[in-house]
Amino acid sequence: MRPELHTLLLILVCAGVTIALRALPFLALGRGGQPPALVRRLGERLPPAVMAILVVYCLRSTSFAALSGWVPALAAGAATVALHVWRRNTLLSIAGGTLLYMLLIRCL
């Protein structure tokens, strides 16, 4: 098989799988009305669970041996929570917490 034909077929298969995966929820759940109770329950409970997992993942290698190891992480985490509670803007809270963390690890 020629390499150009192989590449074209590969792209077509990938595009087909992507379209099928995007259409699957609409085919499984229908287009109108309320989603099933299980889907609604997962929509309520999964975002906080994912955020908790991300916090644990981000702080897993924090060293408590010196102030410079845990103070930036704790301060940036608190700033992220405070910004999110204050403005309810995910992008702002993530950017603010990241900026504060980067400033603190450079200064401490």
N, C-alpha and C. Protein backbone atom coordinates (compact mmCIF):
# COMPACT_ATOMS: atom_id res chain seq x y z
N MET A 1 0.85 -1.18 0.00
CA MET A 1 0.00 0.00 0.00
C MET A 1 0.90 1.24 0.00
N ARG A 2 0.50 2.21 -0.80
CA ARG A 2 1.28 3.45 -0.89
C ARG A 2 1.14 4.23 0.42
N PRO A 3 2.21 4.91 0.81
CA PRO A 3 2.17 5.66 2.08
C PRO A 3 1.10 6.75 2.10
N GLU A 4 0.85 7.39 0.95
CA GLU A 4 -0.17 8.45 0.90
C GLU A 4 -1.56 7.87 1.15
N LEU A 5 -1.84 6.72 0.55
CA LEU A 5 -3.14 6.08 0.74
C LEU A 5 -3.29 5.61 2.19
N HIS A 6 -2.23 5.07 2.75
CA HIS A 6 -2.26 4.63 4.14
C HIS A 6 -2.54 5.81 5.08
N THR A 7 -1.89 6.92 4.84
CA THR A 7 -2.10 8.11 5.67
C THR A 7 -3.53 8.62 5.53
N LEU A 8 -4.04 8.65 4.31
CA LEU A 8 -5.42 9.10 4.08
C LEU A 8 -6.42 8.20 4.79
N LEU A 9 -6.23 6.89 4.68
CA LEU A 9 -7.13 5.95 5.36
C LEU A 9 -7.05 6.11 6.88
N LEU A 10 -5.86 6.32 7.38
CA LEU A 10 -5.69 6.53 8.82
C LEU A 10 -6.44 7.78 9.29
N ILE A 11 -6.32 8.85 8.53
CA ILE A 11 -7.03 10.09 8.88
C ILE A 11 -8.54 9.89 8.82
N LEU A 12 -9.02 9.18 7.80
CA LEU A 12 -10.46 8.94 7.67
C LEU A 12 -10.99 8.08 8.83
N VAL A 13 -10.24 7.07 9.22
CA VAL A 13 -10.67 6.23 10.35
C VAL A 13 -10.70 7.04 11.64
N CYS A 14 -9.67 7.84 11.86
CA CYS A 14 -9.63 8.68 13.07
C CYS A 14 -10.79 9.67 13.08
N ALA A 15 -11.08 10.28 11.94
CA ALA A 15 -12.20 11.22 11.86
C ALA A 15 -13.52 10.51 12.10
N GLY A 16 -13.69 9.32 11.55
CA GLY A 16 -14.92 8.56 11.76
C GLY A 16 -15.13 8.18 13.21
N VAL A 17 -14.07 7.74 13.87
CA VAL A 17 -14.17 7.37 15.29
C VAL A 17 -14.49 8.61 16.13
N THR A 18 -13.86 9.73 15.82
CA THR A 18 -14.12 10.97 16.56
C THR A 18 -15.57 11.40 16.41
N ILE A 19 -16.09 11.37 15.20
CA ILE A 19 -17.49 11.76 14.96
C ILE A 19 -18.43 10.80 15.69
N ALA A 20 -18.13 9.50 15.63
CA ALA A 20 -18.98 8.52 16.31
C ALA A 20 -18.98 8.73 17.81
N LEU A 21 -17.81 9.02 18.39
CA LEU A 21 -17.76 9.25 19.83
C LEU A 21 -18.48 10.52 20.24
N ARG A 22 -18.45 11.53 19.38
CA ARG A 22 -19.18 12.77 19.69
C ARG A 22 -20.68 12.57 19.57
N ALA A 23 -21.12 11.70 18.67
CA ALA A 23 -22.54 11.46 18.48
C ALA A 23 -23.12 10.47 19.47
N LEU A 24 -22.28 9.64 20.07
CA LEU A 24 -22.75 8.59 20.97
C LEU A 24 -23.64 9.08 22.10
N PRO A 25 -23.30 10.15 22.82
CA PRO A 25 -24.20 10.60 23.90
C PRO A 25 -25.59 11.00 23.38
N PHE A 26 -25.65 11.62 22.21
CA PHE A 26 -26.94 12.01 21.67
C PHE A 26 -27.75 10.78 21.25
N LEU A 27 -27.07 9.78 20.73
CA LEU A 27 -27.77 8.56 20.35
C LEU A 27 -28.23 7.78 21.57
N ALA A 28 -27.41 7.75 22.61
CA ALA A 28 -27.75 6.97 23.80
C ALA A 28 -28.78 7.66 24.69
N LEU A 29 -28.70 8.98 24.79
CA LEU A 29 -29.56 9.69 25.74
C LEU A 29 -30.71 10.43 25.08
N GLY A 30 -30.71 10.53 23.77
CA GLY A 30 -31.76 11.28 23.09
C GLY A 30 -31.44 12.75 23.05
N ARG A 31 -32.17 13.48 22.24
CA ARG A 31 -31.87 14.90 22.07
C ARG A 31 -32.68 15.80 22.99
N GLY A 32 -33.84 15.41 23.39
CA GLY A 32 -34.68 16.31 24.17
C GLY A 32 -34.91 15.80 25.58
N GLY A 33 -35.56 16.65 26.37
CA GLY A 33 -35.92 16.25 27.72
C GLY A 33 -34.76 16.25 28.69
N GLN A 34 -35.02 15.72 29.84
CA GLN A 34 -34.03 15.66 30.92
C GLN A 34 -33.15 14.42 30.74
N PRO A 35 -31.88 14.55 31.07
CA PRO A 35 -31.03 13.34 31.05
C PRO A 35 -31.44 12.41 32.18
N PRO A 36 -31.05 11.16 32.11
CA PRO A 36 -31.40 10.21 33.18
C PRO A 36 -30.87 10.68 34.54
N ALA A 37 -31.47 10.17 35.59
CA ALA A 37 -31.11 10.56 36.95
C ALA A 37 -29.64 10.26 37.24
N LEU A 38 -29.13 9.15 36.73
CA LEU A 38 -27.72 8.81 36.96
C LEU A 38 -26.80 9.86 36.37
N VAL A 39 -27.10 10.33 35.18
CA VAL A 39 -26.27 11.33 34.52
C VAL A 39 -26.33 12.65 35.29
N ARG A 40 -27.51 13.03 35.75
CA ARG A 40 -27.64 14.26 36.54
C ARG A 40 -26.86 14.15 37.84
N ARG A 41 -26.95 12.99 38.51
CA ARG A 41 -26.23 12.78 39.76
C ARG A 41 -24.71 12.84 39.54
N LEU A 42 -24.25 12.22 38.47
CA LEU A 42 -22.82 12.28 38.16
C LEU A 42 -22.39 13.71 37.84
N GLY A 43 -23.23 14.46 37.17
CA GLY A 43 -22.91 15.85 36.85
C GLY A 43 -22.79 16.73 38.08
N GLU A 44 -23.50 16.36 39.13
CA GLU A 44 -23.41 17.12 40.38
C GLU A 44 -22.21 16.72 41.22
N ARG A 45 -21.87 15.43 41.22
CA ARG A 45 -20.85 14.93 42.14
C ARG A 45 -19.46 14.82 41.55
N LEU A 46 -19.33 14.65 40.26
CA LEU A 46 -18.01 14.45 39.69
C LEU A 46 -17.11 15.69 39.70
N PRO A 47 -17.61 16.89 39.39
CA PRO A 47 -16.69 18.04 39.40
C PRO A 47 -15.98 18.26 40.73
N PRO A 48 -16.66 18.23 41.88
CA PRO A 48 -15.90 18.38 43.14
C PRO A 48 -14.93 17.22 43.37
N ALA A 49 -15.31 16.01 42.98
CA ALA A 49 -14.42 14.86 43.16
C ALA A 49 -13.17 15.00 42.30
N VAL A 50 -13.33 15.46 41.07
CA VAL A 50 -12.18 15.66 40.18
C VAL A 50 -11.28 16.76 40.74
N MET A 51 -11.86 17.83 41.26
CA MET A 51 -11.05 18.91 41.83
C MET A 51 -10.27 18.41 43.05
N ALA A 52 -10.89 17.59 43.88
CA ALA A 52 -10.19 17.05 45.05
C ALA A 52 -9.03 16.16 44.61
N ILE A 53 -9.23 15.35 43.59
CA ILE A 53 -8.15 14.50 43.08
C ILE A 53 -7.03 15.36 42.53
N LEU A 54 -7.35 16.43 41.82
CA LEU A 54 -6.32 17.31 41.27
C LEU A 54 -5.53 18.01 42.37
N VAL A 55 -6.19 18.41 43.45
CA VAL A 55 -5.49 19.04 44.57
C VAL A 55 -4.51 18.05 45.20
N VAL A 56 -4.96 16.83 45.43
CA VAL A 56 -4.08 15.82 45.99
C VAL A 56 -2.91 15.54 45.06
N TYR A 57 -3.18 15.46 43.77
CA TYR A 57 -2.12 15.21 42.79
C TYR A 57 -1.10 16.35 42.78
N CYS A 58 -1.58 17.59 42.85
CA CYS A 58 -0.67 18.74 42.82
C CYS A 58 0.17 18.84 44.09
N LEU A 59 -0.38 18.46 45.21
CA LEU A 59 0.32 18.62 46.48
C LEU A 59 1.03 17.36 46.95
N ARG A 60 1.03 16.31 46.15
CA ARG A 60 1.59 15.02 46.57
C ARG A 60 3.09 15.08 46.86
N SER A 61 3.81 15.95 46.19
CA SER A 61 5.26 15.99 46.39
C SER A 61 5.70 17.21 47.19
N THR A 62 4.78 17.80 47.93
CA THR A 62 5.11 18.96 48.75
C THR A 62 5.97 18.53 49.93
N SER A 63 7.08 19.23 50.11
CA SER A 63 7.99 18.91 51.21
C SER A 63 7.67 19.82 52.40
N PHE A 64 7.55 19.21 53.56
CA PHE A 64 7.27 19.97 54.78
C PHE A 64 8.52 20.17 55.62
N ALA A 65 9.68 19.89 55.05
CA ALA A 65 10.94 20.02 55.78
C ALA A 65 11.33 21.48 55.97
N ALA A 66 10.98 22.33 55.03
CA ALA A 66 11.34 23.75 55.12
C ALA A 66 10.12 24.59 54.72
N LEU A 67 10.09 25.83 55.20
CA LEU A 67 8.98 26.73 54.86
C LEU A 67 8.84 26.92 53.35
N SER A 68 9.96 26.98 52.66
CA SER A 68 9.90 27.21 51.21
C SER A 68 9.29 26.03 50.47
N GLY A 69 9.11 24.91 51.14
CA GLY A 69 8.51 23.75 50.50
C GLY A 69 7.00 23.74 50.54
N TRP A 70 6.42 24.22 51.63
CA TRP A 70 4.96 24.12 51.75
C TRP A 70 4.23 25.45 51.79
N VAL A 71 4.88 26.53 52.15
CA VAL A 71 4.20 27.83 52.22
C VAL A 71 3.69 28.28 50.84
N PRO A 72 4.50 28.21 49.77
CA PRO A 72 3.97 28.62 48.47
C PRO A 72 2.76 27.81 48.03
N ALA A 73 2.80 26.50 48.25
CA ALA A 73 1.69 25.65 47.85
C ALA A 73 0.43 25.97 48.65
N LEU A 74 0.58 26.12 49.94
CA LEU A 74 -0.56 26.44 50.80
C LEU A 74 -1.14 27.82 50.48
N ALA A 75 -0.26 28.82 50.33
CA ALA A 75 -0.73 30.18 50.03
C ALA A 75 -1.41 30.24 48.67
N ALA A 76 -0.82 29.58 47.68
CA ALA A 76 -1.42 29.59 46.34
C ALA A 76 -2.75 28.85 46.33
N GLY A 77 -2.83 27.75 47.06
CA GLY A 77 -4.10 27.02 47.15
C GLY A 77 -5.17 27.86 47.82
N ALA A 78 -4.81 28.53 48.90
CA ALA A 78 -5.77 29.40 49.60
C ALA A 78 -6.19 30.57 48.72
N ALA A 79 -5.25 31.14 47.96
CA ALA A 79 -5.58 32.24 47.06
C ALA A 79 -6.51 31.77 45.95
N THR A 80 -6.29 30.57 45.45
CA THR A 80 -7.15 30.03 44.39
C THR A 80 -8.57 29.86 44.91
N VAL A 81 -8.70 29.30 46.09
CA VAL A 81 -10.04 29.12 46.68
C VAL A 81 -10.69 30.47 46.93
N ALA A 82 -9.94 31.42 47.50
CA ALA A 82 -10.50 32.74 47.79
C ALA A 82 -10.93 33.46 46.52
N LEU A 83 -10.12 33.40 45.48
CA LEU A 83 -10.49 34.04 44.21
C LEU A 83 -11.74 33.40 43.62
N HIS A 84 -11.83 32.08 43.74
CA HIS A 84 -12.99 31.41 43.16
C HIS A 84 -14.27 31.71 43.95
N VAL A 85 -14.15 31.76 45.26
CA VAL A 85 -15.33 32.11 46.08
C VAL A 85 -15.74 33.55 45.81
N TRP A 86 -14.76 34.43 45.64
CA TRP A 86 -15.04 35.85 45.44
C TRP A 86 -15.64 36.13 44.07
N ARG A 87 -15.03 35.62 42.99
CA ARG A 87 -15.45 35.99 41.64
C ARG A 87 -16.20 34.88 40.89
N ARG A 88 -16.14 33.65 41.34
CA ARG A 88 -16.76 32.52 40.66
C ARG A 88 -16.29 32.42 39.20
N ASN A 89 -15.01 32.68 39.00
CA ASN A 89 -14.42 32.63 37.66
C ASN A 89 -13.26 31.64 37.72
N THR A 90 -13.45 30.50 37.09
CA THR A 90 -12.45 29.44 37.15
C THR A 90 -11.12 29.88 36.56
N LEU A 91 -11.16 30.54 35.42
CA LEU A 91 -9.92 30.98 34.77
C LEU A 91 -9.16 31.96 35.65
N LEU A 92 -9.87 32.89 36.25
CA LEU A 92 -9.22 33.87 37.13
C LEU A 92 -8.61 33.19 38.35
N SER A 93 -9.34 32.27 38.96
CA SER A 93 -8.82 31.64 40.17
C SER A 93 -7.62 30.76 39.86
N ILE A 94 -7.64 30.03 38.77
CA ILE A 94 -6.49 29.19 38.41
C ILE A 94 -5.29 30.07 38.05
N ALA A 95 -5.51 31.09 37.25
CA ALA A 95 -4.41 31.98 36.84
C ALA A 95 -3.84 32.72 38.05
N GLY A 96 -4.70 33.21 38.94
CA GLY A 96 -4.22 33.92 40.13
C GLY A 96 -3.43 33.02 41.05
N GLY A 97 -3.92 31.81 41.30
CA GLY A 97 -3.20 30.88 42.15
C GLY A 97 -1.86 30.46 41.55
N THR A 98 -1.86 30.24 40.24
CA THR A 98 -0.61 29.86 39.56
C THR A 98 0.40 30.99 39.61
N LEU A 99 -0.07 32.20 39.34
CA LEU A 99 0.83 33.35 39.38
C LEU A 99 1.43 33.55 40.78
N LEU A 100 0.59 33.46 41.80
CA LEU A 100 1.08 33.60 43.16
C LEU A 100 2.08 32.50 43.49
N TYR A 101 1.80 31.28 43.10
CA TYR A 101 2.71 30.17 43.38
C TYR A 101 4.06 30.41 42.70
N MET A 102 4.04 30.84 41.44
CA MET A 102 5.29 31.07 40.72
C MET A 102 6.09 32.21 41.37
N LEU A 103 5.39 33.25 41.79
CA LEU A 103 6.09 34.35 42.47
C LEU A 103 6.70 33.89 43.80
N LEU A 104 5.97 33.10 44.55
CA LEU A 104 6.45 32.66 45.85
C LEU A 104 7.62 31.69 45.75
N ILE A 105 7.59 30.78 44.77
CA ILE A 105 8.74 29.86 44.68
C ILE A 105 9.98 30.56 44.17
N ARG A 106 9.81 31.69 43.48
CA ARG A 106 10.98 32.45 43.05
C ARG A 106 11.54 33.33 44.17
N CYS A 107 10.64 33.78 45.06
CA CYS A 107 11.07 34.71 46.11
C CYS A 107 11.50 33.98 47.39
N LEU A 108 10.95 32.82 47.66
CA LEU A 108 11.30 32.11 48.93
C LEU A 108 12.44 31.12 48.72
